[in-house]
N, C-alpha and C. Protein backbone atom coordinates (compact mmCIF):
# COMPACT_ATOMS: atom_id res chain seq x y z
N MET A 1 0.83 -1.18 0.00
CA MET A 1 0.00 0.00 0.00
C MET A 1 0.88 1.25 0.00
N ASN A 2 0.68 2.09 -0.98
CA ASN A 2 1.44 3.33 -1.09
C ASN A 2 0.95 4.30 -0.03
N LEU A 3 1.88 4.99 0.62
CA LEU A 3 1.56 5.88 1.73
C LEU A 3 1.12 7.27 1.28
N PHE A 4 1.16 7.55 0.00
CA PHE A 4 0.89 8.90 -0.49
C PHE A 4 -0.32 8.92 -1.42
N ASN A 5 -1.00 10.06 -1.42
CA ASN A 5 -2.12 10.27 -2.32
C ASN A 5 -1.95 11.63 -2.99
N PRO A 6 -1.65 11.69 -4.27
CA PRO A 6 -1.50 10.57 -5.20
C PRO A 6 -0.23 9.77 -4.90
N PRO A 7 -0.18 8.52 -5.33
CA PRO A 7 0.98 7.67 -5.05
C PRO A 7 2.29 8.24 -5.58
N LYS A 8 3.33 8.13 -4.76
CA LYS A 8 4.68 8.50 -5.18
C LYS A 8 5.46 7.21 -5.40
N ARG A 9 6.23 7.18 -6.47
CA ARG A 9 7.00 5.98 -6.78
C ARG A 9 8.39 6.36 -7.27
N VAL A 10 9.37 5.56 -6.85
CA VAL A 10 10.75 5.71 -7.30
C VAL A 10 10.89 4.92 -8.61
N LYS A 11 11.60 5.50 -9.56
CA LYS A 11 11.83 4.82 -10.84
C LYS A 11 13.22 4.19 -10.85
N ASP A 12 13.39 3.22 -11.73
CA ASP A 12 14.69 2.58 -11.97
C ASP A 12 15.29 1.95 -10.72
N LEU A 13 14.47 1.24 -9.97
CA LEU A 13 14.95 0.54 -8.78
C LEU A 13 14.30 -0.83 -8.75
N SER A 14 15.11 -1.83 -8.44
CA SER A 14 14.62 -3.20 -8.35
C SER A 14 14.90 -3.73 -6.95
N ILE A 15 13.87 -4.19 -6.27
CA ILE A 15 13.99 -4.74 -4.93
C ILE A 15 13.77 -6.25 -5.03
N HIS A 16 14.73 -7.02 -4.55
CA HIS A 16 14.65 -8.47 -4.63
C HIS A 16 14.56 -9.08 -3.24
N PHE A 17 13.57 -9.95 -3.05
CA PHE A 17 13.42 -10.65 -1.79
C PHE A 17 14.67 -11.49 -1.55
N GLY A 18 15.24 -11.39 -0.37
CA GLY A 18 16.44 -12.14 -0.02
C GLY A 18 17.67 -11.27 0.14
N GLU A 19 17.61 -10.04 -0.37
CA GLU A 19 18.74 -9.14 -0.21
C GLU A 19 18.78 -8.62 1.23
N ASN A 20 19.95 -8.18 1.65
CA ASN A 20 20.14 -7.63 2.98
C ASN A 20 19.21 -6.43 3.18
N PRO A 21 18.49 -6.37 4.30
CA PRO A 21 17.54 -5.27 4.51
C PRO A 21 18.19 -3.90 4.53
N PHE A 22 19.40 -3.80 5.05
CA PHE A 22 20.09 -2.50 5.07
C PHE A 22 20.46 -2.05 3.66
N VAL A 23 20.79 -2.99 2.82
CA VAL A 23 21.08 -2.67 1.42
C VAL A 23 19.82 -2.17 0.74
N LEU A 24 18.70 -2.84 0.97
CA LEU A 24 17.43 -2.42 0.37
C LEU A 24 17.04 -1.01 0.80
N LEU A 25 17.17 -0.73 2.09
CA LEU A 25 16.84 0.60 2.60
C LEU A 25 17.76 1.66 2.00
N SER A 26 19.04 1.34 1.90
CA SER A 26 20.01 2.28 1.33
C SER A 26 19.75 2.54 -0.14
N LEU A 27 19.43 1.49 -0.89
CA LEU A 27 19.13 1.66 -2.31
C LEU A 27 17.91 2.54 -2.51
N PHE A 28 16.88 2.29 -1.71
CA PHE A 28 15.67 3.11 -1.82
C PHE A 28 15.98 4.56 -1.47
N PHE A 29 16.69 4.77 -0.38
CA PHE A 29 17.04 6.13 0.05
C PHE A 29 17.79 6.87 -1.05
N ARG A 30 18.81 6.24 -1.59
CA ARG A 30 19.65 6.89 -2.61
C ARG A 30 18.84 7.23 -3.85
N GLN A 31 18.03 6.28 -4.31
CA GLN A 31 17.26 6.51 -5.53
C GLN A 31 16.19 7.58 -5.32
N ALA A 32 15.52 7.56 -4.18
CA ALA A 32 14.50 8.58 -3.89
C ALA A 32 15.15 9.96 -3.79
N LYS A 33 16.30 10.03 -3.15
CA LYS A 33 17.02 11.30 -3.02
C LYS A 33 17.42 11.82 -4.40
N ASN A 34 17.92 10.93 -5.26
CA ASN A 34 18.31 11.32 -6.62
C ASN A 34 17.13 11.79 -7.45
N GLN A 35 15.93 11.35 -7.09
CA GLN A 35 14.73 11.74 -7.83
C GLN A 35 13.97 12.86 -7.12
N ASN A 36 14.69 13.58 -6.27
CA ASN A 36 14.19 14.80 -5.62
C ASN A 36 13.00 14.60 -4.68
N TRP A 37 12.94 13.44 -4.04
CA TRP A 37 11.96 13.28 -2.97
C TRP A 37 12.45 14.12 -1.80
N ASN A 38 11.53 14.68 -1.03
CA ASN A 38 11.97 15.43 0.15
C ASN A 38 12.28 14.45 1.28
N GLN A 39 13.08 14.92 2.22
CA GLN A 39 13.57 14.07 3.30
C GLN A 39 12.42 13.50 4.14
N GLN A 40 11.39 14.28 4.35
CA GLN A 40 10.25 13.83 5.15
C GLN A 40 9.55 12.64 4.50
N ASP A 41 9.36 12.68 3.20
CA ASP A 41 8.70 11.57 2.50
C ASP A 41 9.56 10.31 2.51
N ILE A 42 10.86 10.49 2.31
CA ILE A 42 11.77 9.34 2.35
C ILE A 42 11.74 8.70 3.73
N THR A 43 11.86 9.52 4.76
CA THR A 43 11.85 9.02 6.13
C THR A 43 10.54 8.31 6.46
N HIS A 44 9.44 8.85 5.97
CA HIS A 44 8.12 8.25 6.21
C HIS A 44 8.08 6.81 5.66
N VAL A 45 8.56 6.63 4.45
CA VAL A 45 8.57 5.29 3.83
C VAL A 45 9.52 4.36 4.59
N LEU A 46 10.72 4.84 4.88
CA LEU A 46 11.70 3.99 5.56
C LEU A 46 11.24 3.60 6.96
N ASP A 47 10.65 4.55 7.70
CA ASP A 47 10.15 4.23 9.04
C ASP A 47 9.04 3.19 8.98
N LYS A 48 8.12 3.34 8.04
CA LYS A 48 7.03 2.37 7.88
C LYS A 48 7.59 1.00 7.51
N ALA A 49 8.59 0.98 6.62
CA ALA A 49 9.18 -0.29 6.19
C ALA A 49 9.85 -1.03 7.34
N LYS A 50 10.43 -0.29 8.27
CA LYS A 50 11.16 -0.90 9.39
C LYS A 50 10.27 -1.33 10.54
N LYS A 51 8.97 -1.10 10.45
CA LYS A 51 8.06 -1.42 11.56
C LYS A 51 7.50 -2.83 11.50
N GLY A 52 8.10 -3.69 10.74
CA GLY A 52 7.61 -5.06 10.65
C GLY A 52 8.75 -6.01 10.38
N ASN A 53 8.40 -7.18 9.91
CA ASN A 53 9.41 -8.18 9.59
C ASN A 53 9.99 -7.91 8.20
N TYR A 54 10.83 -8.81 7.75
CA TYR A 54 11.51 -8.62 6.46
C TYR A 54 10.52 -8.56 5.30
N ALA A 55 9.52 -9.42 5.32
CA ALA A 55 8.52 -9.42 4.24
C ALA A 55 7.78 -8.08 4.20
N HIS A 56 7.48 -7.52 5.36
CA HIS A 56 6.82 -6.21 5.42
C HIS A 56 7.72 -5.12 4.83
N LEU A 57 9.01 -5.18 5.14
CA LEU A 57 9.96 -4.21 4.60
C LEU A 57 9.97 -4.25 3.08
N VAL A 58 10.09 -5.43 2.52
CA VAL A 58 10.13 -5.58 1.06
C VAL A 58 8.82 -5.12 0.44
N LYS A 59 7.70 -5.51 1.02
CA LYS A 59 6.39 -5.13 0.48
C LYS A 59 6.20 -3.61 0.51
N THR A 60 6.62 -2.97 1.58
CA THR A 60 6.49 -1.51 1.70
C THR A 60 7.35 -0.81 0.66
N LEU A 61 8.58 -1.24 0.51
CA LEU A 61 9.45 -0.61 -0.49
C LEU A 61 8.91 -0.84 -1.90
N GLN A 62 8.46 -2.05 -2.18
CA GLN A 62 7.94 -2.36 -3.52
C GLN A 62 6.69 -1.53 -3.84
N ALA A 63 5.92 -1.16 -2.83
CA ALA A 63 4.73 -0.34 -3.05
C ALA A 63 5.09 1.08 -3.49
N HIS A 64 6.35 1.45 -3.31
CA HIS A 64 6.80 2.80 -3.65
C HIS A 64 7.81 2.80 -4.79
N ILE A 65 7.76 1.74 -5.60
CA ILE A 65 8.64 1.63 -6.76
C ILE A 65 7.79 1.52 -8.01
N HIS A 66 8.16 2.27 -9.03
CA HIS A 66 7.46 2.21 -10.31
C HIS A 66 7.91 0.96 -11.05
N HIS A 67 6.96 0.07 -11.35
CA HIS A 67 7.30 -1.20 -12.02
C HIS A 67 7.11 -1.07 -13.50
């Protein structure tokens, strides 16, 4: 579920189940920053992603990636 209305999505990022969670968070942060997301929006997604288990983290990040 995307946290924004209208939905915000990062482009040119691939998240794969099984990768290190810190790597996934870092990749998302870097790509969102490069695409001019503001710090508050990035932090909102990362904080939500970290509030569950690994599957929740991946699902949250994938909800904010343009496929």
